[in-house]
Amino acid sequence: MPPVRQVAEALDIAPGTVARAYRELEQEGIVATDRARGTRIADRSASGNADAAEPGYLVPLLRPVAVGAYHLGITADQLRRALEEAMRGVFQDDVPGGATS
């Protein structure tokens, strides 16, 4: 994942906000942080969080992204397309149209 400062600059938000989001993602087992390698998406099997299978679980994680996109003037369709692009290579068979990277 990109460094905190890079995300903060790209979204024009405070670095502390991004750092807090990264910490919450780490606490949930979604990302893993290693000083030498930075923050990476955690191994899917490592999280072991059954609640994560529920779509409602993702809403509080995605809400800040949606709000940020709204304030940048991004439309809902543009945000959906960006999410689909971000999923490419992660969810090989789950991306609409079966697209992969």
PDB file of N, CA and C in Angstrom:
ATOM      1  N   MET A   1       0.855  -1.172   0.000  1.00  0.00           N
ATOM      2  CA  MET A   1       0.000   0.000   0.000  1.00  0.00           C
ATOM      3  C   MET A   1       0.897   1.230   0.000  1.00  0.00           C
ATOM      4  N   PRO A   2       0.397   2.324  -0.531  1.00  0.00           N
ATOM      5  CA  PRO A   2       1.219   3.533  -0.549  1.00  0.00           C
ATOM      6  C   PRO A   2       1.468   4.055   0.863  1.00  0.00           C
ATOM      7  N   PRO A   3       2.571   4.759   1.040  1.00  0.00           N
ATOM      8  CA  PRO A   3       2.862   5.337   2.352  1.00  0.00           C
ATOM      9  C   PRO A   3       1.787   6.334   2.785  1.00  0.00           C
ATOM     10  N   VAL A   4       1.667   6.539   4.084  1.00  0.00           N
ATOM     11  CA  VAL A   4       0.667   7.430   4.666  1.00  0.00           C
ATOM     12  C   VAL A   4       0.721   8.805   4.030  1.00  0.00           C
ATOM     13  N   ARG A   5       1.901   9.376   3.919  1.00  0.00           N
ATOM     14  CA  ARG A   5       2.022  10.734   3.368  1.00  0.00           C
ATOM     15  C   ARG A   5       1.538  10.813   1.923  1.00  0.00           C
ATOM     16  N   GLN A   6       1.836   9.789   1.148  1.00  0.00           N
ATOM     17  CA  GLN A   6       1.416   9.780  -0.257  1.00  0.00           C
ATOM     18  C   GLN A   6      -0.109   9.741  -0.362  1.00  0.00           C
ATOM     19  N   VAL A   7      -0.751   8.916   0.453  1.00  0.00           N
ATOM     20  CA  VAL A   7      -2.219   8.836   0.434  1.00  0.00           C
ATOM     21  C   VAL A   7      -2.810  10.161   0.899  1.00  0.00           C
ATOM     22  N   ALA A   8      -2.240  10.722   1.970  1.00  0.00           N
ATOM     23  CA  ALA A   8      -2.740  11.994   2.504  1.00  0.00           C
ATOM     24  C   ALA A   8      -2.649  13.099   1.455  1.00  0.00           C
ATOM     25  N   GLU A   9      -1.538  13.165   0.742  1.00  0.00           N
ATOM     26  CA  GLU A   9      -1.374  14.185  -0.290  1.00  0.00           C
ATOM     27  C   GLU A   9      -2.346  13.960  -1.447  1.00  0.00           C
ATOM     28  N   ALA A  10      -2.508  12.712  -1.863  1.00  0.00           N
ATOM     29  CA  ALA A  10      -3.387  12.408  -2.992  1.00  0.00           C
ATOM     30  C   ALA A  10      -4.844  12.741  -2.679  1.00  0.00           C
ATOM     31  N   LEU A  11      -5.248  12.526  -1.420  1.00  0.00           N
ATOM     32  CA  LEU A  11      -6.641  12.773  -1.034  1.00  0.00           C
ATOM     33  C   LEU A  11      -6.832  14.132  -0.371  1.00  0.00           C
ATOM     34  N   ASP A  12      -5.725  14.858  -0.197  1.00  0.00           N
ATOM     35  CA  ASP A  12      -5.759  16.167   0.450  1.00  0.00           C
ATOM     36  C   ASP A  12      -6.414  16.093   1.834  1.00  0.00           C
ATOM     37  N   ILE A  13      -5.931  15.123   2.628  1.00  0.00           N
ATOM     38  CA  ILE A  13      -6.393  14.974   4.007  1.00  0.00           C
ATOM     39  C   ILE A  13      -5.181  14.895   4.924  1.00  0.00           C
ATOM     40  N   ALA A  14      -5.411  15.008   6.204  1.00  0.00           N
ATOM     41  CA  ALA A  14      -4.318  14.998   7.176  1.00  0.00           C
ATOM     42  C   ALA A  14      -3.658  13.615   7.250  1.00  0.00           C
ATOM     43  N   PRO A  15      -2.328  13.575   7.338  1.00  0.00           N
ATOM     44  CA  PRO A  15      -1.633  12.291   7.467  1.00  0.00           C
ATOM     45  C   PRO A  15      -2.111  11.485   8.674  1.00  0.00           C
ATOM     46  N   GLY A  16      -2.480  12.167   9.743  1.00  0.00           N
ATOM     47  CA  GLY A  16      -2.966  11.462  10.927  1.00  0.00           C
ATOM     48  C   GLY A  16      -4.237  10.683  10.652  1.00  0.00           C
ATOM     49  N   THR A  17      -5.073  11.204   9.775  1.00  0.00           N
ATOM     50  CA  THR A  17      -6.314  10.517   9.408  1.00  0.00           C
ATOM     51  C   THR A  17      -5.998   9.222   8.666  1.00  0.00           C
ATOM     52  N   VAL A  18      -5.054   9.294   7.751  1.00  0.00           N
ATOM     53  CA  VAL A  18      -4.650   8.104   6.997  1.00  0.00           C
ATOM     54  C   VAL A  18      -3.988   7.102   7.930  1.00  0.00           C
ATOM     55  N   ALA A  19      -3.114   7.576   8.816  1.00  0.00           N
ATOM     56  CA  ALA A  19      -2.434   6.690   9.762  1.00  0.00           C
ATOM     57  C   ALA A  19      -3.456   5.972  10.645  1.00  0.00           C
ATOM     58  N   ARG A  20      -4.479   6.699  11.080  1.00  0.00           N
ATOM     59  CA  ARG A  20      -5.519   6.094  11.916  1.00  0.00           C
ATOM     60  C   ARG A  20      -6.263   5.015  11.131  1.00  0.00           C
ATOM     61  N   ALA A  21      -6.564   5.290   9.870  1.00  0.00           N
ATOM     62  CA  ALA A  21      -7.251   4.303   9.029  1.00  0.00           C
ATOM     63  C   ALA A  21      -6.372   3.058   8.844  1.00  0.00           C
ATOM     64  N   TYR A  22      -5.078   3.261   8.605  1.00  0.00           N
ATOM     65  CA  TYR A  22      -4.167   2.128   8.459  1.00  0.00           C
ATOM     66  C   TYR A  22      -4.130   1.309   9.752  1.00  0.00           C
ATOM     67  N   ARG A  23      -4.101   1.986  10.918  1.00  0.00           N
ATOM     68  CA  ARG A  23      -4.090   1.271  12.208  1.00  0.00           C
ATOM     69  C   ARG A  23      -5.354   0.439  12.379  1.00  0.00           C
ATOM     70  N   GLU A  24      -6.496   1.023  12.037  1.00  0.00           N
ATOM     71  CA  GLU A  24      -7.762   0.296  12.162  1.00  0.00           C
ATOM     72  C   GLU A  24      -7.786  -0.909  11.228  1.00  0.00           C
ATOM     73  N   LEU A  25      -7.287  -0.734  10.013  1.00  0.00           N
ATOM     74  CA  LEU A  25      -7.223  -1.858   9.072  1.00  0.00           C
ATOM     75  C   LEU A  25      -6.295  -2.950   9.598  1.00  0.00           C
ATOM     76  N   GLU A  26      -5.212  -2.540  10.247  1.00  0.00           N
ATOM     77  CA  GLU A  26      -4.292  -3.529  10.816  1.00  0.00           C
ATOM     78  C   GLU A  26      -4.940  -4.259  11.988  1.00  0.00           C
ATOM     79  N   GLN A  27      -5.659  -3.536  12.838  1.00  0.00           N
ATOM     80  CA  GLN A  27      -6.346  -4.161  13.966  1.00  0.00           C
ATOM     81  C   GLN A  27      -7.388  -5.169  13.504  1.00  0.00           C
ATOM     82  N   GLU A  28      -7.993  -4.914  12.359  1.00  0.00           N
ATOM     83  CA  GLU A  28      -8.998  -5.821  11.810  1.00  0.00           C
ATOM     84  C   GLU A  28      -8.369  -6.982  11.038  1.00  0.00           C
ATOM     85  N   GLY A  29      -7.041  -6.960  10.887  1.00  0.00           N
ATOM     86  CA  GLY A  29      -6.365  -8.035  10.181  1.00  0.00           C
ATOM     87  C   GLY A  29      -6.426  -7.913   8.676  1.00  0.00           C
ATOM     88  N   ILE A  30      -6.787  -6.724   8.196  1.00  0.00           N
ATOM     89  CA  ILE A  30      -6.911  -6.515   6.758  1.00  0.00           C
ATOM     90  C   ILE A  30      -5.561  -6.190   6.136  1.00  0.00           C
ATOM     91  N   VAL A  31      -4.733  -5.450   6.860  1.00  0.00           N
ATOM     92  CA  VAL A  31      -3.384  -5.140   6.400  1.00  0.00           C
ATOM     93  C   VAL A  31      -2.388  -5.568   7.456  1.00  0.00           C
ATOM     94  N   ALA A  32      -1.149  -5.702   7.048  1.00  0.00           N
ATOM     95  CA  ALA A  32      -0.048  -6.014   7.959  1.00  0.00           C
ATOM     96  C   ALA A  32       1.048  -4.989   7.721  1.00  0.00           C
ATOM     97  N   THR A  33       1.625  -4.485   8.796  1.00  0.00           N
ATOM     98  CA  THR A  33       2.669  -3.481   8.682  1.00  0.00           C
ATOM     99  C   THR A  33       3.992  -4.060   9.168  1.00  0.00           C
ATOM    100  N   ASP A  34       5.012  -3.850   8.355  1.00  0.00           N
ATOM    101  CA  ASP A  34       6.371  -4.291   8.662  1.00  0.00           C
ATOM    102  C   ASP A  34       7.271  -3.114   8.315  1.00  0.00           C
ATOM    103  N   ARG A  35       8.072  -2.663   9.257  1.00  0.00           N
ATOM    104  CA  ARG A  35       8.910  -1.476   9.016  1.00  0.00           C
ATOM    105  C   ARG A  35       9.759  -1.610   7.755  1.00  0.00           C
ATOM    106  N   ALA A  36      10.273  -2.788   7.509  1.00  0.00           N
ATOM    107  CA  ALA A  36      11.153  -2.979   6.355  1.00  0.00           C
ATOM    108  C   ALA A  36      10.383  -2.998   5.035  1.00  0.00           C
ATOM    109  N   ARG A  37       9.160  -3.522   5.056  1.00  0.00           N
ATOM    110  CA  ARG A  37       8.402  -3.694   3.816  1.00  0.00           C
ATOM    111  C   ARG A  37       7.213  -2.751   3.700  1.00  0.00           C
ATOM    112  N   GLY A  38       6.890  -2.022   4.742  1.00  0.00           N
ATOM    113  CA  GLY A  38       5.753  -1.109   4.698  1.00  0.00           C
ATOM    114  C   GLY A  38       4.450  -1.827   4.998  1.00  0.00           C
ATOM    115  N   THR A  39       3.354  -1.208   4.605  1.00  0.00           N
ATOM    116  CA  THR A  39       2.029  -1.771   4.855  1.00  0.00           C
ATOM    117  C   THR A  39       1.564  -2.522   3.622  1.00  0.00           C
ATOM    118  N   ARG A  40       1.127  -3.741   3.840  1.00  0.00           N
ATOM    119  CA  ARG A  40       0.668  -4.600   2.746  1.00  0.00           C
ATOM    120  C   ARG A  40      -0.673  -5.219   3.116  1.00  0.00           C
ATOM    121  N   ILE A  41      -1.407  -5.635   2.109  1.00  0.00           N
ATOM    122  CA  ILE A  41      -2.644  -6.354   2.338  1.00  0.00           C
ATOM    123  C   ILE A  41      -2.283  -7.673   3.022  1.00  0.00           C
ATOM    124  N   ALA A  42      -2.988  -7.984   4.120  1.00  0.00           N
ATOM    125  CA  ALA A  42      -2.701  -9.199   4.872  1.00  0.00           C
ATOM    126  C   ALA A  42      -3.132 -10.427   4.086  1.00  0.00           C
ATOM    127  N   ASP A  43      -2.481 -11.523   4.373  1.00  0.00           N
ATOM    128  CA  ASP A  43      -2.862 -12.793   3.776  1.00  0.00           C
ATOM    129  C   ASP A  43      -4.320 -13.062   4.130  1.00  0.00           C
ATOM    130  N   ARG A  44      -5.111 -13.397   3.165  1.00  0.00           N
ATOM    131  CA  ARG A  44      -6.548 -13.592   3.361  1.00  0.00           C
ATOM    132  C   ARG A  44      -6.839 -14.597   4.472  1.00  0.00           C
ATOM    133  N   SER A  45      -6.095 -15.672   4.533  1.00  0.00           N
ATOM    134  CA  SER A  45      -6.331 -16.696   5.547  1.00  0.00           C
ATOM    135  C   SER A  45      -5.876 -16.247   6.931  1.00  0.00           C
ATOM    136  N   ALA A  46      -5.002 -15.241   6.994  1.00  0.00           N
ATOM    137  CA  ALA A  46      -4.479 -14.790   8.280  1.00  0.00           C
ATOM    138  C   ALA A  46      -5.502 -14.013   9.091  1.00  0.00           C
ATOM    139  N   SER A  47      -6.444 -13.346   8.433  1.00  0.00           N
ATOM    140  CA  SER A  47      -7.397 -12.529   9.176  1.00  0.00           C
ATOM    141  C   SER A  47      -8.383 -13.378   9.951  1.00  0.00           C
ATOM    142  N   GLY A  48      -8.873 -14.451   9.355  1.00  0.00           N
ATOM    143  CA  GLY A  48      -9.770 -15.355  10.040  1.00  0.00           C
ATOM    144  C   GLY A  48     -10.999 -14.678  10.628  1.00  0.00           C
ATOM    145  N   ASN A  49     -11.463 -13.603  10.038  1.00  0.00           N
ATOM    146  CA  ASN A  49     -12.584 -12.857  10.576  1.00  0.00           C
ATOM    147  C   ASN A  49     -13.849 -13.238   9.815  1.00  0.00           C
ATOM    148  N   ALA A  50     -14.713 -14.044  10.445  1.00  0.00           N
ATOM    149  CA  ALA A  50     -15.940 -14.505   9.796  1.00  0.00           C
ATOM    150  C   ALA A  50     -16.863 -13.332   9.474  1.00  0.00           C
ATOM    151  N   ASP A  51     -16.857 -12.276  10.305  1.00  0.00           N
ATOM    152  CA  ASP A  51     -17.718 -11.121  10.064  1.00  0.00           C
ATOM    153  C   ASP A  51     -17.366 -10.422   8.759  1.00  0.00           C
ATOM    154  N   ALA A  52     -16.132 -10.564   8.312  1.00  0.00           N
ATOM    155  CA  ALA A  52     -15.689  -9.875   7.100  1.00  0.00           C
ATOM    156  C   ALA A  52     -16.436 -10.368   5.863  1.00  0.00           C
ATOM    157  N   ALA A  53     -17.080 -11.532   5.955  1.00  0.00           N
ATOM    158  CA  ALA A  53     -17.824 -12.062   4.813  1.00  0.00           C
ATOM    159  C   ALA A  53     -19.108 -11.274   4.569  1.00  0.00           C
ATOM    160  N   GLU A  54     -19.562 -10.528   5.534  1.00  0.00           N
ATOM    161  CA  GLU A  54     -20.783  -9.741   5.401  1.00  0.00           C
ATOM    162  C   GLU A  54     -20.478  -8.407   4.727  1.00  0.00           C
ATOM    163  N   PRO A  55     -21.215  -8.047   3.677  1.00  0.00           N
ATOM    164  CA  PRO A  55     -20.958  -6.768   3.002  1.00  0.00           C
ATOM    165  C   PRO A  55     -21.068  -5.564   3.928  1.00  0.00           C
ATOM    166  N   GLY A  56     -21.949  -5.605   4.900  1.00  0.00           N
ATOM    167  CA  GLY A  56     -22.112  -4.489   5.828  1.00  0.00           C
ATOM    168  C   GLY A  56     -20.864  -4.202   6.628  1.00  0.00           C
ATOM    169  N   TYR A  57     -20.007  -5.183   6.776  1.00  0.00           N
ATOM    170  CA  TYR A  57     -18.756  -5.025   7.493  1.00  0.00           C
ATOM    171  C   TYR A  57     -17.840  -4.013   6.792  1.00  0.00           C
ATOM    172  N   LEU A  58     -17.964  -3.922   5.488  1.00  0.00           N
ATOM    173  CA  LEU A  58     -17.093  -3.050   4.704  1.00  0.00           C
ATOM    174  C   LEU A  58     -17.542  -1.594   4.689  1.00  0.00           C
ATOM    175  N   VAL A  59     -18.802  -1.347   4.991  1.00  0.00           N
ATOM    176  CA  VAL A  59     -19.341   0.012   4.889  1.00  0.00           C
ATOM    177  C   VAL A  59     -18.517   1.014   5.685  1.00  0.00           C
ATOM    178  N   PRO A  60     -18.208   0.760   6.966  1.00  0.00           N
ATOM    179  CA  PRO A  60     -17.424   1.763   7.697  1.00  0.00           C
ATOM    180  C   PRO A  60     -16.003   1.929   7.154  1.00  0.00           C
ATOM    181  N   LEU A  61     -15.490   0.922   6.484  1.00  0.00           N
ATOM    182  CA  LEU A  61     -14.155   1.026   5.899  1.00  0.00           C
ATOM    183  C   LEU A  61     -14.174   1.828   4.602  1.00  0.00           C
ATOM    184  N   LEU A  62     -15.246   1.677   3.834  1.00  0.00           N
ATOM    185  CA  LEU A  62     -15.343   2.345   2.534  1.00  0.00           C
ATOM    186  C   LEU A  62     -15.963   3.735   2.611  1.00  0.00           C
ATOM    187  N   ARG A  63     -16.689   4.017   3.672  1.00  0.00           N
ATOM    188  CA  ARG A  63     -17.379   5.306   3.798  1.00  0.00           C
ATOM    189  C   ARG A  63     -16.426   6.497   3.631  1.00  0.00           C
ATOM    190  N   PRO A  64     -15.250   6.503   4.294  1.00  0.00           N
ATOM    191  CA  PRO A  64     -14.340   7.644   4.114  1.00  0.00           C
ATOM    192  C   PRO A  64     -13.874   7.810   2.662  1.00  0.00           C
ATOM    193  N   VAL A  65     -13.731   6.708   1.954  1.00  0.00           N
ATOM    194  CA  VAL A  65     -13.339   6.780   0.541  1.00  0.00           C
ATOM    195  C   VAL A  65     -14.461   7.428  -0.266  1.00  0.00           C
ATOM    196  N   ALA A  66     -15.701   7.012  -0.003  1.00  0.00           N
ATOM    197  CA  ALA A  66     -16.841   7.575  -0.724  1.00  0.00           C
ATOM    198  C   ALA A  66     -16.998   9.062  -0.431  1.00  0.00           C
ATOM    199  N   VAL A  67     -16.846   9.443   0.822  1.00  0.00           N
ATOM    200  CA  VAL A  67     -16.972  10.855   1.189  1.00  0.00           C
ATOM    201  C   VAL A  67     -15.859  11.671   0.532  1.00  0.00           C
ATOM    202  N   GLY A  68     -14.627  11.149   0.579  1.00  0.00           N
ATOM    203  CA  GLY A  68     -13.513  11.844  -0.060  1.00  0.00           C
ATOM    204  C   GLY A  68     -13.726  12.009  -1.546  1.00  0.00           C
ATOM    205  N   ALA A  69     -14.227  10.958  -2.198  1.00  0.00           N
ATOM    206  CA  ALA A  69     -14.495  11.028  -3.633  1.00  0.00           C
ATOM    207  C   ALA A  69     -15.570  12.073  -3.931  1.00  0.00           C
ATOM    208  N   TYR A  70     -16.600  12.103  -3.110  1.00  0.00           N
ATOM    209  CA  TYR A  70     -17.669  13.088  -3.281  1.00  0.00           C
ATOM    210  C   TYR A  70     -17.105  14.511  -3.219  1.00  0.00           C
ATOM    211  N   HIS A  71     -16.245  14.752  -2.235  1.00  0.00           N
ATOM    212  CA  HIS A  71     -15.672  16.096  -2.076  1.00  0.00           C
ATOM    213  C   HIS A  71     -14.701  16.451  -3.198  1.00  0.00           C
ATOM    214  N   LEU A  72     -14.195  15.453  -3.879  1.00  0.00           N
ATOM    215  CA  LEU A  72     -13.330  15.701  -5.033  1.00  0.00           C
ATOM    216  C   LEU A  72     -14.137  15.874  -6.317  1.00  0.00           C
ATOM    217  N   GLY A  73     -15.461  15.721  -6.215  1.00  0.00           N
ATOM    218  CA  GLY A  73     -16.315  15.874  -7.391  1.00  0.00           C
ATOM    219  C   GLY A  73     -16.449  14.617  -8.221  1.00  0.00           C
ATOM    220  N   ILE A  74     -16.078  13.485  -7.658  1.00  0.00           N
ATOM    221  CA  ILE A  74     -16.167  12.206  -8.354  1.00  0.00           C
ATOM    222  C   ILE A  74     -17.616  11.723  -8.315  1.00  0.00           C
ATOM    223  N   THR A  75     -18.110  11.216  -9.435  1.00  0.00           N
ATOM    224  CA  THR A  75     -19.478  10.687  -9.466  1.00  0.00           C
ATOM    225  C   THR A  75     -19.490   9.261  -8.907  1.00  0.00           C
ATOM    226  N   ALA A  76     -20.688   8.792  -8.577  1.00  0.00           N
ATOM    227  CA  ALA A  76     -20.833   7.426  -8.074  1.00  0.00           C
ATOM    228  C   ALA A  76     -20.337   6.410  -9.106  1.00  0.00           C
ATOM    229  N   ASP A  77     -20.653   6.653 -10.381  1.00  0.00           N
ATOM    230  CA  ASP A  77     -20.197   5.738 -11.427  1.00  0.00           C
ATOM    231  C   ASP A  77     -18.670   5.736 -11.539  1.00  0.00           C
ATOM    232  N   GLN A  78     -18.059   6.899 -11.431  1.00  0.00           N
ATOM    233  CA  GLN A  78     -16.593   6.972 -11.485  1.00  0.00           C
ATOM    234  C   GLN A  78     -15.978   6.229 -10.305  1.00  0.00           C
ATOM    235  N   LEU A  79     -16.584   6.365  -9.130  1.00  0.00           N
ATOM    236  CA  LEU A  79     -16.078   5.669  -7.944  1.00  0.00           C
ATOM    237  C   LEU A  79     -16.215   4.162  -8.113  1.00  0.00           C
ATOM    238  N   ARG A  80     -17.345   3.709  -8.656  1.00  0.00           N
ATOM    239  CA  ARG A  80     -17.526   2.272  -8.898  1.00  0.00           C
ATOM    240  C   ARG A  80     -16.465   1.741  -9.857  1.00  0.00           C
ATOM    241  N   ARG A  81     -16.221   2.498 -10.931  1.00  0.00           N
ATOM    242  CA  ARG A  81     -15.202   2.068 -11.901  1.00  0.00           C
ATOM    243  C   ARG A  81     -13.814   2.023 -11.261  1.00  0.00           C
ATOM    244  N   ALA A  82     -13.523   3.002 -10.414  1.00  0.00           N
ATOM    245  CA  ALA A  82     -12.227   3.021  -9.735  1.00  0.00           C
ATOM    246  C   ALA A  82     -12.091   1.824  -8.799  1.00  0.00           C
ATOM    247  N   LEU A  83     -13.172   1.474  -8.095  1.00  0.00           N
ATOM    248  CA  LEU A  83     -13.134   0.314  -7.204  1.00  0.00           C
ATOM    249  C   LEU A  83     -12.930  -0.961  -8.005  1.00  0.00           C
ATOM    250  N   GLU A  84     -13.617  -1.078  -9.140  1.00  0.00           N
ATOM    251  CA  GLU A  84     -13.428  -2.241  -9.997  1.00  0.00           C
ATOM    252  C   GLU A  84     -11.977  -2.333 -10.470  1.00  0.00           C
ATOM    253  N   GLU A  85     -11.406  -1.201 -10.849  1.00  0.00           N
ATOM    254  CA  GLU A  85     -10.002  -1.179 -11.283  1.00  0.00           C
ATOM    255  C   GLU A  85      -9.082  -1.585 -10.134  1.00  0.00           C
ATOM    256  N   ALA A  86      -9.379  -1.089  -8.934  1.00  0.00           N
ATOM    257  CA  ALA A  86      -8.554  -1.421  -7.767  1.00  0.00           C
ATOM    258  C   ALA A  86      -8.627  -2.907  -7.425  1.00  0.00           C
ATOM    259  N   MET A  87      -9.746  -3.544  -7.751  1.00  0.00           N
ATOM    260  CA  MET A  87      -9.915  -4.964  -7.438  1.00  0.00           C
ATOM    261  C   MET A  87      -9.207  -5.872  -8.441  1.00  0.00           C
ATOM    262  N   ARG A  88      -8.898  -5.344  -9.605  1.00  0.00           N
ATOM    263  CA  ARG A  88      -8.243  -6.182 -10.615  1.00  0.00           C
ATOM    264  C   ARG A  88      -6.955  -6.753 -10.060  1.00  0.00           C
ATOM    265  N   GLY A  89      -6.801  -8.038 -10.240  1.00  0.00           N
ATOM    266  CA  GLY A  89      -5.607  -8.714  -9.752  1.00  0.00           C
ATOM    267  C   GLY A  89      -5.725  -9.164  -8.310  1.00  0.00           C
ATOM    268  N   VAL A  90      -6.757  -8.693  -7.616  1.00  0.00           N
ATOM    269  CA  VAL A  90      -6.983  -9.123  -6.239  1.00  0.00           C
ATOM    270  C   VAL A  90      -8.071 -10.189  -6.228  1.00  0.00           C
ATOM    271  N   PHE A  91      -9.199  -9.874  -6.868  1.00  0.00           N
ATOM    272  CA  PHE A  91     -10.312 -10.799  -6.972  1.00  0.00           C
ATOM    273  C   PHE A  91     -10.406 -11.230  -8.428  1.00  0.00           C
ATOM    274  N   GLN A  92      -9.609 -12.187  -8.793  1.00  0.00           N
ATOM    275  CA  GLN A  92      -9.495 -12.586 -10.198  1.00  0.00           C
ATOM    276  C   GLN A  92     -10.844 -12.856 -10.844  1.00  0.00           C
ATOM    277  N   ASP A  93     -11.726 -13.597 -10.185  1.00  0.00           N
ATOM    278  CA  ASP A  93     -12.997 -13.998 -10.799  1.00  0.00           C
ATOM    279  C   ASP A  93     -14.160 -13.124 -10.350  1.00  0.00           C
ATOM    280  N   ASP A  94     -13.944 -12.231  -9.381  1.00  0.00           N
ATOM    281  CA  ASP A  94     -15.039 -11.459  -8.830  1.00  0.00           C
ATOM    282  C   ASP A  94     -15.248 -10.105  -9.496  1.00  0.00           C
ATOM    283  N   VAL A  95     -14.313  -9.660 -10.316  1.00  0.00           N
ATOM    284  CA  VAL A  95     -14.443  -8.361 -10.962  1.00  0.00           C
ATOM    285  C   VAL A  95     -15.469  -8.476 -12.077  1.00  0.00           C
ATOM    286  N   PRO A  96     -16.449  -7.556 -12.131  1.00  0.00           N
ATOM    287  CA  PRO A  96     -17.443  -7.634 -13.199  1.00  0.00           C
ATOM    288  C   PRO A  96     -16.790  -7.771 -14.570  1.00  0.00           C
ATOM    289  N   GLY A  97     -17.300  -8.680 -15.351  1.00  0.00           N
ATOM    290  CA  GLY A  97     -16.744  -8.918 -16.681  1.00  0.00           C
ATOM    291  C   GLY A  97     -15.585  -9.886 -16.663  1.00  0.00           C
ATOM    292  N   GLY A  98     -15.196 -10.355 -15.455  1.00  0.00           N
ATOM    293  CA  GLY A  98     -14.124 -11.327 -15.332  1.00  0.00           C
ATOM    294  C   GLY A  98     -12.761 -10.771 -15.663  1.00  0.00           C
ATOM    295  N   ALA A  99     -12.617  -9.456 -15.660  1.00  0.00           N
ATOM    296  CA  ALA A  99     -11.340  -8.838 -16.025  1.00  0.00           C
ATOM    297  C   ALA A  99     -10.290  -9.119 -14.975  1.00  0.00           C
ATOM    298  N   THR A 100      -9.075  -9.346 -15.417  1.00  0.00           N
ATOM    299  CA  THR A 100      -7.935  -9.524 -14.519  1.00  0.00           C
ATOM    300  C   THR A 100      -6.794  -8.696 -15.029  1.00  0.00           C
ATOM    301  N   SER A 101      -5.801  -8.511 -14.161  1.00  0.00           N
ATOM    302  CA  SER A 101      -4.654  -7.734 -14.618  1.00  0.00           C
ATOM    303  C   SER A 101      -3.583  -8.607 -15.199  1.00  0.00           C
TER     304      SER A 101
END
